[in-house]
Protein backbone atom coordinates (compact mmCIF):
# COMPACT_ATOMS: atom_id res chain seq x y z
CA UNK A 1 82.25 113.08 62.87
CA UNK A 2 78.76 113.91 61.60
CA UNK A 3 77.05 116.30 63.98
CA UNK A 4 74.57 114.45 66.15
CA UNK A 5 71.05 115.55 66.96
CA UNK A 6 69.01 114.43 69.94
CA UNK A 7 67.20 112.02 67.64
CA UNK A 8 70.54 110.55 66.60
CA UNK A 9 71.50 110.08 70.24
CA UNK A 10 68.16 108.43 71.00
CA UNK A 11 68.79 105.98 68.15
CA UNK A 12 72.42 105.41 69.17
CA UNK A 13 71.48 104.54 72.75
CA UNK A 14 69.36 101.65 71.50
CA UNK A 15 72.61 99.90 70.62
CA UNK A 16 73.96 100.21 74.17
CA UNK A 17 72.94 98.06 77.12
CA UNK A 18 71.72 100.19 80.08
CA UNK A 19 72.93 97.40 82.40
CA UNK A 20 76.58 98.23 81.68
CA UNK A 21 78.98 99.12 84.49
CA UNK A 22 78.39 102.34 86.40
CA UNK A 23 81.56 104.11 85.21
CA UNK A 24 80.55 103.67 81.56
CA UNK A 25 76.96 104.66 82.36
CA UNK A 26 78.21 107.89 83.94
CA UNK A 27 80.49 108.59 80.95
CA UNK A 28 77.49 108.30 78.63
CA UNK A 29 75.63 110.85 80.76
CA UNK A 30 78.64 113.17 80.66
CA UNK A 31 78.89 112.93 76.87
CA UNK A 32 75.21 113.72 76.37
CA UNK A 33 75.31 116.56 78.90
CA UNK A 34 78.43 118.00 77.26
CA UNK A 35 76.60 118.35 73.95
CA UNK A 36 73.00 119.06 74.94
CA UNK A 37 73.17 120.21 78.59
CA UNK A 38 69.95 119.45 80.48
CA UNK A 39 68.03 119.08 77.21
CA UNK A 40 69.57 115.62 76.95
CA UNK A 41 68.32 114.35 80.31
CA UNK A 42 64.98 112.91 79.18
CA UNK A 43 66.64 110.78 76.50
CA UNK A 44 69.27 109.53 78.94
CA UNK A 45 66.66 108.83 81.61
CA UNK A 46 64.39 106.94 79.21
CA UNK A 47 67.29 104.78 78.07
CA UNK A 48 68.46 104.17 81.66
CA UNK A 49 64.95 103.05 82.63
CA UNK A 50 65.58 99.85 80.69
CA UNK A 51 68.24 98.82 83.20
CA UNK A 52 67.63 96.30 85.94
CA UNK A 53 68.96 98.65 88.64
CA UNK A 54 67.09 101.74 87.44
CA UNK A 55 65.98 104.16 90.11
CA UNK A 56 64.71 107.56 89.01
CA UNK A 57 66.20 109.39 92.00
CA UNK A 58 69.63 107.87 91.34
CA UNK A 59 69.56 108.99 87.71
CA UNK A 60 68.57 112.54 88.67
CA UNK A 61 71.21 112.72 91.39
CA UNK A 62 73.97 111.46 89.12
CA UNK A 63 72.94 113.78 86.27
CA UNK A 64 73.06 116.79 88.59
CA UNK A 65 76.49 115.79 89.89
CA UNK A 66 78.28 115.32 86.55
CA UNK A 67 79.77 118.32 84.80
CA UNK A 68 79.17 119.19 81.19
CA UNK A 69 82.88 120.03 81.08
CA UNK A 70 83.94 116.64 82.42
CA UNK A 71 86.09 115.79 79.41
CA UNK A 72 83.69 113.33 77.73
CA UNK A 73 81.96 114.44 74.52
CA UNK A 74 79.05 113.16 72.47
CA UNK A 75 81.65 111.68 70.14
CA UNK A 76 82.48 109.14 72.83
CA UNK A 77 78.84 108.06 73.06
CA UNK A 78 78.40 107.83 69.30
CA UNK A 79 81.68 105.91 69.02
CA UNK A 80 80.52 103.37 71.59
CA UNK A 81 77.26 102.91 69.69
CA UNK A 82 79.07 102.56 66.36
CA UNK A 83 81.15 99.77 67.87
CA UNK A 84 77.85 97.96 68.46
CA UNK A 85 76.56 98.55 64.93
CA UNK A 86 74.96 102.01 65.00
CA UNK A 87 75.05 104.12 61.84
CA UNK A 88 73.50 107.49 61.05
CA UNK A 89 70.31 106.60 59.21
CA UNK A 90 69.22 109.97 57.90
CA UNK A 91 69.96 111.27 54.42
CA UNK A 92 72.73 113.84 53.95
CA UNK A 93 71.52 117.30 54.93
CA UNK A 94 70.83 120.12 52.54
CA UNK A 95 72.86 123.31 52.85
CA UNK A 96 69.91 124.95 54.61
CA UNK A 97 69.58 122.08 57.09
CA UNK A 98 73.33 122.12 57.73
CA UNK A 99 73.26 125.87 58.36
CA UNK A 100 70.41 125.45 60.84
CA UNK A 101 72.23 122.63 62.60
CA UNK A 102 75.41 124.73 62.78
CA UNK A 103 73.42 127.59 64.29
CA UNK A 104 71.83 125.24 66.81
CA UNK A 105 75.25 123.82 67.63
CA UNK A 106 76.70 127.30 68.19
CA UNK A 107 73.74 128.18 70.40
CA UNK A 108 74.21 125.03 72.48
CA UNK A 109 77.93 125.70 72.77
CA UNK A 110 77.22 129.20 74.09
CA UNK A 111 74.63 127.85 76.51
CA UNK A 112 77.07 125.16 77.61
CA UNK A 113 79.79 127.72 78.30
CA UNK A 114 77.35 129.80 80.34
CA UNK A 115 76.23 126.72 82.29
CA UNK A 116 79.83 125.71 82.97
CA UNK A 117 80.60 129.19 84.28
CA UNK A 118 77.49 129.07 86.45
CA UNK A 119 78.42 125.62 87.79
CA UNK A 120 81.96 126.73 88.56
CA UNK A 121 80.73 129.80 90.43
CA UNK A 122 78.35 127.60 92.45
CA UNK A 123 81.16 125.13 93.17
CA UNK A 124 83.42 127.88 94.48
CA UNK A 125 80.59 129.33 96.57
CA UNK A 126 79.89 125.90 98.06
CA UNK A 127 83.55 125.44 98.91
CA UNK A 128 83.47 128.65 100.92
CA UNK A 129 80.25 127.69 102.70
CA UNK A 130 81.54 124.24 103.66
CA UNK A 131 84.90 125.67 104.73
CA UNK A 132 83.16 128.00 107.19
CA UNK A 133 80.83 125.20 108.32
CA UNK A 134 83.80 122.88 108.90
CA UNK A 135 85.58 125.45 111.05
CA UNK A 136 82.43 126.00 113.11
CA UNK A 137 81.99 122.28 113.67
CA UNK A 138 85.62 121.80 114.67
CA UNK A 139 85.52 124.75 117.07
CA UNK A 140 82.23 123.80 118.74
CA UNK A 141 81.74 120.04 118.45
CA UNK A 142 85.16 118.42 118.74
CA UNK A 143 87.83 117.83 121.37
CA UNK A 144 91.43 116.67 121.31
CA UNK A 145 91.78 112.92 121.83
CA UNK A 146 94.52 110.39 122.38
CA UNK A 147 92.50 107.47 121.02
CA UNK A 148 89.03 106.23 120.10
CA UNK A 149 87.54 102.97 118.87
CA UNK A 150 88.71 103.41 115.27
CA UNK A 151 92.25 104.34 116.25
CA UNK A 152 92.37 101.50 118.75
CA UNK A 153 91.15 99.01 116.15
CA UNK A 154 93.83 100.21 113.72
CA UNK A 155 96.47 100.30 116.50
CA UNK A 156 97.60 103.82 115.61
CA UNK A 157 98.08 107.04 117.55
CA UNK A 158 96.19 110.31 117.20
CA UNK A 159 98.13 112.91 115.22
CA UNK A 160 96.14 116.12 114.90
CA UNK A 161 92.83 114.30 114.69
CA UNK A 162 89.86 115.13 116.89
CA UNK A 163 86.87 113.41 118.43
CA UNK A 164 83.25 114.52 118.30
CA UNK A 165 82.18 115.31 121.85
CA UNK A 166 78.45 114.86 121.23
CA UNK A 167 76.01 113.51 118.68
CA UNK A 168 74.31 115.84 116.20
CA UNK A 169 72.97 116.07 112.66
CA UNK A 170 74.50 118.41 110.12
CA UNK A 171 72.29 119.49 107.23
CA UNK A 172 73.37 120.94 103.89
CA UNK A 173 70.54 122.44 101.85
CA UNK A 174 70.51 123.11 98.11
CA UNK A 175 70.36 126.89 98.62
CA UNK A 176 73.88 127.22 100.08
CA UNK A 177 72.71 127.09 103.69
CA UNK A 178 73.66 124.75 106.52
CA UNK A 179 71.97 123.73 109.75
CA UNK A 180 72.70 121.72 112.88
CA UNK A 181 70.30 119.57 114.90
CA UNK A 182 71.37 118.95 118.50
CA UNK A 183 69.89 117.03 121.41
CA UNK A 184 68.28 113.60 121.52
CA UNK A 185 64.70 114.90 121.27
CA UNK A 186 65.46 117.14 118.29
CA UNK A 187 67.34 114.33 116.55
CA UNK A 188 64.44 111.90 117.09
CA UNK A 189 61.98 114.47 115.75
CA UNK A 190 64.20 115.02 112.70
CA UNK A 191 64.10 111.34 111.77
CA UNK A 192 60.38 111.04 112.53
CA UNK A 193 59.61 113.80 110.02
CA UNK A 194 62.31 112.97 107.44
CA UNK A 195 60.99 113.32 103.85
CA UNK A 196 61.59 110.57 101.29
CA UNK A 197 64.67 110.72 99.06
CA UNK A 198 62.59 112.05 96.16
CA UNK A 199 61.05 114.86 98.25
CA UNK A 200 64.18 115.87 100.12
CA UNK A 201 65.92 119.11 99.17
CA UNK A 202 68.85 118.62 101.52
CA UNK A 203 71.52 116.12 102.50
CA UNK A 204 72.53 115.26 106.04
CA UNK A 205 75.04 113.39 108.16
CA UNK A 206 74.21 111.91 111.54
CA UNK A 207 77.45 112.22 113.46
CA UNK A 208 77.70 110.30 116.71
CA UNK A 209 79.70 111.05 119.81
CA UNK A 210 83.13 109.45 119.69
CA UNK A 211 83.48 109.43 115.89
CA UNK A 212 86.78 110.66 114.48
CA UNK A 213 87.10 114.12 112.91
CA UNK A 214 90.03 114.69 110.56
CA UNK A 215 90.48 118.36 109.55
CA UNK A 216 91.39 118.67 105.88
CA UNK A 217 93.63 121.54 104.87
CA UNK A 218 95.28 122.94 101.77
CA UNK A 219 98.96 123.77 101.33
CA UNK A 220 98.33 127.14 103.04
CA UNK A 221 96.85 125.37 106.09
CA UNK A 222 93.31 126.61 105.50
CA UNK A 223 90.58 124.19 106.63
CA UNK A 224 88.15 123.32 103.83
CA UNK A 225 86.44 120.11 104.87
CA UNK A 226 86.31 117.32 107.45
CA UNK A 227 86.67 113.60 107.01
CA UNK A 228 84.42 111.80 109.49
CA UNK A 229 85.24 108.19 110.40
CA UNK A 230 82.65 106.47 112.55
CA UNK A 231 83.20 103.53 114.87
CA UNK A 232 82.57 101.01 112.09
CA UNK A 233 85.26 102.61 109.92
CA UNK A 234 82.89 104.26 107.43
CA UNK A 235 84.48 107.40 105.95
CA UNK A 236 82.33 110.43 105.15
CA UNK A 237 82.84 113.99 103.93
CA UNK A 238 80.71 117.12 104.02
CA UNK A 239 78.72 117.32 100.79
CA UNK A 240 79.67 120.06 98.32
CA UNK A 241 82.97 120.54 100.14
CA UNK A 242 86.32 120.71 98.44
CA UNK A 243 88.52 117.59 98.44
CA UNK A 244 90.98 117.90 95.57
CA UNK A 245 94.40 118.95 96.82
CA UNK A 246 93.40 118.67 100.49
CA UNK A 247 95.18 116.50 103.01
CA UNK A 248 95.85 115.84 106.68
CA UNK A 249 99.46 116.26 107.73
CA UNK A 250 101.26 114.08 110.27
CA UNK A 251 104.59 115.11 111.78
CA UNK A 252 106.87 118.01 110.85
CA UNK A 253 107.94 118.62 107.28
CA UNK A 254 111.38 119.75 108.43
CA UNK A 255 112.15 116.58 110.37
CA UNK A 256 113.86 114.75 107.47
CA UNK A 257 114.38 114.83 103.71
CA UNK A 258 111.58 112.34 102.99
CA UNK A 259 107.89 113.13 102.63
CA UNK A 260 105.59 110.14 102.63
CA UNK A 261 102.27 110.48 100.81
CA UNK A 262 99.50 107.92 101.31
CA UNK A 263 95.74 107.51 100.99
CA UNK A 264 94.25 106.84 104.44
CA UNK A 265 94.87 108.17 107.93
CA UNK A 266 95.62 104.77 109.50
CA UNK A 267 98.23 104.10 106.81
CA UNK A 268 99.83 107.49 107.36
CA UNK A 269 99.89 107.11 111.13
CA UNK A 270 101.43 103.64 110.82
CA UNK A 271 104.15 104.96 108.50
CA UNK A 272 104.95 107.83 110.87
CA UNK A 273 105.03 105.54 113.91
CA UNK A 274 107.40 103.13 112.16
CA UNK A 275 109.76 105.62 110.50
CA UNK A 276 109.27 109.07 112.00
CA UNK A 277 108.76 110.46 108.51
CA UNK A 278 106.29 113.28 107.97
CA UNK A 279 103.28 112.07 106.02
CA UNK A 280 100.59 113.74 103.93
CA UNK A 281 97.32 111.80 104.04
CA UNK A 282 95.69 112.40 100.64
CA UNK A 283 92.39 110.57 101.39
CA UNK A 284 92.16 108.53 98.18
CA UNK A 285 94.17 107.42 95.16
CA UNK A 286 92.77 110.11 92.87
CA UNK A 287 94.01 112.84 95.21
CA UNK A 288 97.64 111.66 95.37
CA UNK A 289 98.65 113.72 92.34
CA UNK A 290 96.98 117.03 93.35
CA UNK A 291 98.49 116.77 96.83
CA UNK A 292 101.92 115.90 95.47
CA UNK A 293 101.89 118.84 93.06
CA UNK A 294 100.92 121.21 95.89
CA UNK A 295 103.81 120.02 98.05
CA UNK A 296 106.28 119.99 95.16
CA UNK A 297 106.04 123.78 95.00
CA UNK A 298 106.77 124.14 98.73
CA UNK A 299 109.20 121.29 99.44
CA UNK A 300 111.46 121.14 96.42
CA UNK A 301 114.31 119.50 98.34
CA UNK A 302 112.26 116.53 99.58
CA UNK A 303 112.16 112.98 98.28
CA UNK A 304 108.51 112.06 97.76
CA UNK A 305 107.72 108.48 98.69
CA UNK A 306 104.23 107.34 97.72
CA UNK A 307 103.15 104.55 100.07
CA UNK A 308 100.54 103.03 97.82
CA UNK A 309 97.54 100.87 98.56
CA UNK A 310 97.98 97.67 96.57
CA UNK A 311 94.41 97.17 95.32
CA UNK A 312 95.02 93.73 93.84
CA UNK A 313 91.32 92.87 93.83
CA UNK A 314 90.20 96.10 92.14
CA UNK A 315 90.16 96.48 88.37
CA UNK A 316 93.14 98.51 87.21
CA UNK A 317 94.66 98.53 90.72
CA UNK A 318 94.02 102.28 91.24
CA UNK A 319 96.22 102.44 94.34
CA UNK A 320 99.34 101.45 92.41
CA UNK A 321 98.33 103.16 89.15
CA UNK A 322 97.65 106.55 90.73
CA UNK A 323 100.73 106.36 92.95
CA UNK A 324 102.91 105.75 89.89
CA UNK A 325 101.30 108.70 88.09
CA UNK A 326 101.91 110.99 91.05
CA UNK A 327 105.49 109.78 91.50
CA UNK A 328 106.25 110.41 87.82
CA UNK A 329 104.96 113.98 88.11
CA UNK A 330 107.27 114.91 91.00
CA UNK A 331 110.18 112.55 90.37
CA UNK A 332 109.21 110.51 93.43
CA UNK A 333 109.35 106.87 94.47
CA UNK A 334 106.65 104.29 95.11
CA UNK A 335 106.49 101.67 97.86
CA UNK A 336 103.67 99.14 98.10
CA UNK A 337 102.89 95.96 100.04
CA UNK A 338 103.51 92.71 98.17
CA UNK A 339 100.64 90.26 98.54
CA UNK A 340 101.94 87.72 96.03
CA UNK A 341 103.00 85.26 98.73
CA UNK A 342 99.57 85.36 100.35
CA UNK A 343 97.76 85.07 97.02
CA UNK A 344 99.97 82.19 95.88
CA UNK A 345 99.38 80.38 99.16
CA UNK A 346 95.60 80.82 98.83
CA UNK A 347 95.71 79.59 95.23
CA UNK A 348 97.60 76.48 96.29
């Protein structure tokens, strides 16, 4: 493919609709960032501004969150534009121009490698910070419980999960520091003086007494993060914390030759209550494979049964798709609920 300049990308984006779906929008950002790093932001932002849902703070937040090494290149963006009619309009370059472009490309590649290394170091540092923060929160703000509103609503037991014994606000700042706000007066003052989204240099979670705390561990049983489930069932994690390969474990791995792997806690608890099988709660479909691979090294004699969410109303049915991918990687099996009878009845 002809090497693209920022001007080429600006022209190519005119062939793409900024109102496209979010996943594609993010992929375009990743492709531009992969090639031009932060030098490509202004072009991406200007193009995005033509969208009906444009919000400057959302664009900045998304751009910061995507990695230049995310696997999408500028070739993907140019290819999408070519499908809509884009062609390179400039004349073929002279040898001198080509040499300059090659030098610029090599410089950007070096800068990109340095930025990727910097981002990875920051990611690892954040993981350590949030791991320590999670342990502190568990030790000082939670208690063992037998039930709470969420568990009662789901009709499942408490297996290694905890309850928050008081309300508080946890703050994660951009400079690798964390804070806690406790007490009703301090919490009220926090919200009274809360900066706007654009002015804020921190993220926060308002955790209320009685919410569920699920410690998330790796295969070596180290705590890295917490899943918080409030009384309405909303699921939250500590920002910048690790999630890939983490899980919550229900039961004892030695109790039988089957290991169930599922997405959510309520599903895992239901499986364990019905069968007695140990169950690894992987949190979401995308984490089924990393969790399975971690356990495959430790439990080579187990049969892995992926109890999949059947996301019939979601494009691509990620629950089934990701469960099948994970099962194929560890020679496991997949079980999923069959909603065809219900859907056929509704259609009739």
